[in-house]
N, C-alpha and C. Protein backbone atom coordinates (compact mmCIF):
# COMPACT_ATOMS: atom_id res chain seq x y z
N MET A 1 -15.08 -0.99 0.53
CA MET A 1 -15.25 -2.41 0.60
C MET A 1 -13.98 -3.03 1.19
N VAL A 2 -14.15 -3.82 2.21
CA VAL A 2 -13.02 -4.44 2.89
C VAL A 2 -12.74 -5.79 2.24
N LYS A 3 -11.49 -5.98 1.86
CA LYS A 3 -11.07 -7.22 1.21
C LYS A 3 -10.37 -8.11 2.22
N ALA A 4 -10.14 -9.35 1.83
CA ALA A 4 -9.47 -10.30 2.70
C ALA A 4 -8.06 -9.83 3.05
N SER A 5 -7.38 -9.20 2.10
CA SER A 5 -6.03 -8.72 2.39
C SER A 5 -6.05 -7.61 3.43
N ASP A 6 -7.11 -6.79 3.42
CA ASP A 6 -7.23 -5.74 4.44
C ASP A 6 -7.49 -6.34 5.82
N VAL A 7 -8.30 -7.40 5.86
CA VAL A 7 -8.57 -8.06 7.14
C VAL A 7 -7.29 -8.67 7.69
N VAL A 8 -6.49 -9.28 6.83
CA VAL A 8 -5.22 -9.86 7.27
C VAL A 8 -4.29 -8.75 7.78
N LEU A 9 -4.23 -7.63 7.08
CA LEU A 9 -3.40 -6.51 7.54
C LEU A 9 -3.87 -5.99 8.90
N ILE A 10 -5.17 -5.92 9.10
CA ILE A 10 -5.69 -5.46 10.39
C ILE A 10 -5.32 -6.43 11.50
N LEU A 11 -5.43 -7.72 11.23
CA LEU A 11 -5.04 -8.72 12.24
C LEU A 11 -3.55 -8.65 12.55
N VAL A 12 -2.73 -8.46 11.53
CA VAL A 12 -1.29 -8.32 11.75
C VAL A 12 -1.00 -7.04 12.55
N ALA A 13 -1.73 -5.97 12.24
CA ALA A 13 -1.53 -4.71 12.97
C ALA A 13 -1.92 -4.84 14.43
N ILE A 14 -2.91 -5.67 14.73
CA ILE A 14 -3.29 -5.88 16.13
C ILE A 14 -2.20 -6.62 16.88
N VAL A 15 -1.61 -7.62 16.23
CA VAL A 15 -0.58 -8.44 16.90
C VAL A 15 0.75 -7.69 16.97
N PHE A 16 1.21 -7.15 15.82
CA PHE A 16 2.51 -6.49 15.77
C PHE A 16 2.47 -5.36 14.74
N PRO A 17 2.20 -4.14 15.16
CA PRO A 17 2.01 -3.01 14.24
C PRO A 17 3.16 -2.77 13.26
N PRO A 18 4.44 -2.88 13.64
CA PRO A 18 5.50 -2.64 12.66
C PRO A 18 5.47 -3.62 11.48
N ALA A 19 5.00 -4.83 11.69
CA ALA A 19 4.92 -5.78 10.58
C ALA A 19 3.89 -5.30 9.56
N ALA A 20 2.76 -4.80 10.02
CA ALA A 20 1.74 -4.28 9.10
C ALA A 20 2.28 -3.07 8.35
N ALA A 21 3.01 -2.20 9.05
CA ALA A 21 3.60 -1.03 8.39
C ALA A 21 4.63 -1.47 7.36
N ALA A 22 5.38 -2.52 7.64
CA ALA A 22 6.37 -3.02 6.68
C ALA A 22 5.69 -3.60 5.45
N PHE A 23 4.58 -4.30 5.64
CA PHE A 23 3.86 -4.85 4.50
C PHE A 23 3.35 -3.76 3.59
N ILE A 24 2.92 -2.65 4.15
CA ILE A 24 2.33 -1.58 3.36
C ILE A 24 3.39 -0.69 2.73
N THR A 25 4.36 -0.25 3.51
CA THR A 25 5.30 0.77 3.04
C THR A 25 6.66 0.21 2.63
N GLY A 26 6.95 -1.02 2.98
CA GLY A 26 8.28 -1.54 2.73
C GLY A 26 9.26 -0.94 3.72
N CYS A 27 10.52 -0.92 3.37
CA CYS A 27 11.53 -0.36 4.24
C CYS A 27 11.60 1.15 3.99
N SER A 28 10.81 1.89 4.77
CA SER A 28 10.72 3.33 4.55
C SER A 28 10.75 4.05 5.90
N CYS A 29 10.64 5.34 5.82
CA CYS A 29 10.61 6.17 7.02
C CYS A 29 9.38 5.86 7.87
N ASP A 30 8.27 5.51 7.22
CA ASP A 30 7.05 5.18 7.97
C ASP A 30 7.25 3.93 8.82
N LEU A 31 8.05 2.99 8.36
CA LEU A 31 8.34 1.81 9.16
C LEU A 31 9.13 2.21 10.40
N LEU A 32 10.12 3.06 10.25
CA LEU A 32 10.91 3.53 11.40
C LEU A 32 10.02 4.31 12.38
N ILE A 33 9.14 5.13 11.85
CA ILE A 33 8.21 5.87 12.71
C ILE A 33 7.33 4.91 13.50
N ASN A 34 6.83 3.87 12.82
CA ASN A 34 5.96 2.92 13.49
C ASN A 34 6.71 2.14 14.56
N ILE A 35 7.94 1.78 14.29
CA ILE A 35 8.73 1.07 15.30
C ILE A 35 8.93 1.95 16.52
N CYS A 36 9.27 3.22 16.30
CA CYS A 36 9.47 4.15 17.43
C CYS A 36 8.17 4.35 18.21
N LEU A 37 7.06 4.51 17.49
CA LEU A 37 5.78 4.69 18.18
C LEU A 37 5.39 3.45 18.97
N THR A 38 5.68 2.28 18.44
CA THR A 38 5.36 1.04 19.16
C THR A 38 6.23 0.90 20.40
N LEU A 39 7.49 1.33 20.31
CA LEU A 39 8.37 1.27 21.49
C LEU A 39 7.96 2.28 22.55
N LEU A 40 7.46 3.43 22.11
CA LEU A 40 7.02 4.45 23.07
C LEU A 40 5.73 4.05 23.76
N GLY A 41 4.91 3.34 23.07
CA GLY A 41 3.66 2.87 23.63
C GLY A 41 2.96 2.04 22.58
N TYR A 42 2.37 0.96 23.00
CA TYR A 42 1.78 0.04 22.04
C TYR A 42 0.62 0.69 21.28
N LEU A 43 -0.17 1.52 21.95
CA LEU A 43 -1.33 2.15 21.31
C LEU A 43 -0.95 3.13 20.18
N PRO A 44 0.06 3.99 20.34
CA PRO A 44 0.43 4.86 19.22
C PRO A 44 0.90 4.08 17.98
N GLY A 45 1.57 2.96 18.17
CA GLY A 45 1.96 2.12 17.05
C GLY A 45 0.75 1.55 16.33
N HIS A 46 -0.27 1.16 17.11
CA HIS A 46 -1.51 0.67 16.52
C HIS A 46 -2.21 1.75 15.70
N ILE A 47 -2.31 2.92 16.26
CA ILE A 47 -2.99 4.02 15.57
C ILE A 47 -2.30 4.33 14.25
N HIS A 48 -0.98 4.38 14.26
CA HIS A 48 -0.24 4.67 13.04
C HIS A 48 -0.43 3.56 12.00
N ALA A 49 -0.38 2.30 12.44
CA ALA A 49 -0.57 1.18 11.51
C ALA A 49 -1.97 1.20 10.92
N PHE A 50 -2.98 1.47 11.73
CA PHE A 50 -4.35 1.54 11.23
C PHE A 50 -4.53 2.72 10.27
N TRP A 51 -3.83 3.82 10.54
CA TRP A 51 -3.89 4.97 9.64
C TRP A 51 -3.29 4.61 8.28
N LEU A 52 -2.17 3.88 8.29
CA LEU A 52 -1.56 3.46 7.03
C LEU A 52 -2.48 2.51 6.26
N ILE A 53 -3.15 1.61 6.96
CA ILE A 53 -4.09 0.70 6.31
C ILE A 53 -5.25 1.49 5.71
N TYR A 54 -5.75 2.47 6.45
CA TYR A 54 -6.85 3.30 5.96
C TYR A 54 -6.45 4.07 4.70
N LYS A 55 -5.25 4.64 4.70
CA LYS A 55 -4.79 5.38 3.52
C LYS A 55 -4.62 4.46 2.32
N ARG A 56 -4.17 3.22 2.55
CA ARG A 56 -4.05 2.24 1.46
C ARG A 56 -5.42 1.88 0.90
N MET A 57 -6.40 1.71 1.78
CA MET A 57 -7.75 1.40 1.33
C MET A 57 -8.33 2.56 0.51
N GLN A 58 -8.05 3.78 0.92
CA GLN A 58 -8.49 4.95 0.16
C GLN A 58 -7.86 4.96 -1.23
N ALA A 59 -6.58 4.64 -1.32
CA ALA A 59 -5.89 4.63 -2.61
C ALA A 59 -6.48 3.55 -3.52
N GLU A 60 -6.84 2.39 -2.97
CA GLU A 60 -7.45 1.35 -3.78
C GLU A 60 -8.81 1.78 -4.32
N GLU A 61 -9.57 2.50 -3.50
CA GLU A 61 -10.86 2.99 -3.96
C GLU A 61 -10.70 4.06 -5.03
N ARG A 62 -9.70 4.90 -4.88
CA ARG A 62 -9.52 6.02 -5.80
C ARG A 62 -8.90 5.58 -7.13
N TYR A 63 -7.85 4.75 -7.07
CA TYR A 63 -7.08 4.42 -8.27
C TYR A 63 -7.30 3.00 -8.77
N GLY A 64 -8.02 2.18 -8.04
CA GLY A 64 -8.21 0.80 -8.43
C GLY A 64 -7.08 -0.07 -7.89
N ARG A 65 -7.32 -1.36 -7.89
CA ARG A 65 -6.34 -2.28 -7.33
C ARG A 65 -5.08 -2.31 -8.21
N GLY A 66 -3.95 -2.02 -7.59
CA GLY A 66 -2.67 -2.06 -8.30
C GLY A 66 -2.41 -0.85 -9.18
N GLY A 67 -3.28 0.15 -9.15
CA GLY A 67 -3.10 1.32 -10.00
C GLY A 67 -2.40 2.47 -9.30
N TYR A 68 -1.67 2.20 -8.25
CA TYR A 68 -1.03 3.25 -7.46
C TYR A 68 0.28 2.74 -6.89
N HIS A 69 1.11 3.67 -6.44
CA HIS A 69 2.32 3.30 -5.71
C HIS A 69 2.50 4.26 -4.54
N TYR A 70 3.16 3.77 -3.50
CA TYR A 70 3.35 4.52 -2.27
C TYR A 70 4.49 5.51 -2.44
N ILE A 71 4.22 6.79 -2.11
CA ILE A 71 5.27 7.80 -2.25
C ILE A 71 5.76 8.32 -0.90
N GLY A 72 5.18 7.82 0.19
CA GLY A 72 5.63 8.21 1.51
C GLY A 72 4.63 9.07 2.25
N ASN A 73 4.75 9.07 3.57
CA ASN A 73 3.92 9.88 4.44
C ASN A 73 2.43 9.59 4.26
N GLY A 74 2.11 8.34 4.00
CA GLY A 74 0.71 7.95 3.84
C GLY A 74 0.08 8.39 2.54
N ALA A 75 0.88 8.84 1.59
CA ALA A 75 0.36 9.34 0.32
C ALA A 75 0.63 8.33 -0.80
N TYR A 76 -0.31 8.28 -1.72
CA TYR A 76 -0.20 7.39 -2.87
C TYR A 76 -0.35 8.21 -4.14
N GLN A 77 0.23 7.69 -5.20
CA GLN A 77 0.18 8.37 -6.49
C GLN A 77 -0.18 7.33 -7.55
N PRO A 78 -1.06 7.70 -8.50
CA PRO A 78 -1.39 6.72 -9.54
C PRO A 78 -0.21 6.49 -10.46
N TYR A 79 -0.16 5.29 -11.02
CA TYR A 79 0.84 5.02 -12.04
C TYR A 79 0.51 5.84 -13.27
N PRO A 80 1.51 6.35 -13.97
CA PRO A 80 1.21 7.12 -15.18
C PRO A 80 0.56 6.22 -16.23
N GLN A 81 -0.45 6.75 -16.88
CA GLN A 81 -1.17 6.00 -17.91
C GLN A 81 -0.51 6.22 -19.26
N ALA A 82 -0.64 5.24 -20.13
CA ALA A 82 -0.10 5.38 -21.48
C ALA A 82 -0.90 6.43 -22.23
N ALA A 83 -0.24 7.13 -23.12
CA ALA A 83 -0.93 8.15 -23.91
C ALA A 83 -2.02 7.50 -24.76
N PRO A 84 -3.21 8.09 -24.82
CA PRO A 84 -4.30 7.46 -25.56
C PRO A 84 -4.05 7.42 -27.06
N SER A 85 -3.14 8.26 -27.59
CA SER A 85 -2.88 8.26 -29.03
C SER A 85 -2.06 7.05 -29.46
N GLN A 86 -1.41 6.38 -28.53
CA GLN A 86 -0.59 5.22 -28.85
C GLN A 86 -1.40 3.95 -28.56
N PRO A 87 -1.73 3.20 -29.60
CA PRO A 87 -2.48 1.96 -29.35
C PRO A 87 -1.61 0.93 -28.66
N ALA A 88 -2.24 0.07 -27.93
CA ALA A 88 -1.50 -0.99 -27.25
C ALA A 88 -0.95 -1.96 -28.29
N PRO A 89 0.28 -2.42 -28.11
CA PRO A 89 0.85 -3.34 -29.10
C PRO A 89 0.10 -4.68 -29.05
N ALA A 90 0.03 -5.30 -30.21
CA ALA A 90 -0.61 -6.61 -30.29
C ALA A 90 0.28 -7.63 -29.59
N PRO A 91 -0.34 -8.62 -28.97
CA PRO A 91 0.49 -9.63 -28.28
C PRO A 91 1.32 -10.41 -29.29
N TYR A 92 2.55 -10.66 -28.92
CA TYR A 92 3.47 -11.40 -29.76
C TYR A 92 3.80 -12.71 -29.05
N TYR A 93 3.43 -13.80 -29.63
CA TYR A 93 3.61 -15.10 -28.99
C TYR A 93 4.79 -15.87 -29.55
N GLY A 94 5.56 -15.26 -30.43
CA GLY A 94 6.75 -15.91 -30.95
C GLY A 94 6.53 -16.68 -32.24
N ALA A 95 5.30 -16.77 -32.71
CA ALA A 95 5.04 -17.53 -33.93
C ALA A 95 5.19 -16.66 -35.18
N THR A 96 4.81 -15.40 -35.08
CA THR A 96 4.90 -14.47 -36.21
C THR A 96 5.42 -13.14 -35.71
N ASN A 97 5.80 -12.27 -36.63
CA ASN A 97 6.24 -10.93 -36.26
C ASN A 97 5.09 -10.01 -36.22
């Protein structure tokens, strides 16, 4: 399922591929790769940016929105889950302990 944020990333990737790579990966090796590919030819930069967007969409489908973090090279890893034996703490609003 394509979300509005994915459409915006695709539009940014069409205009300037390194910006889309920066939005997805932050300041990482993939950003440097995308800059080099864009300088070598505009089409390779596009392909790399679209590949990064595709991998991000796959991670959202697999782990859910916000349930993953980028580990590099187009790979994502789920956030570690809390152990099921430990119940979630009750919310503390400052009125009682």
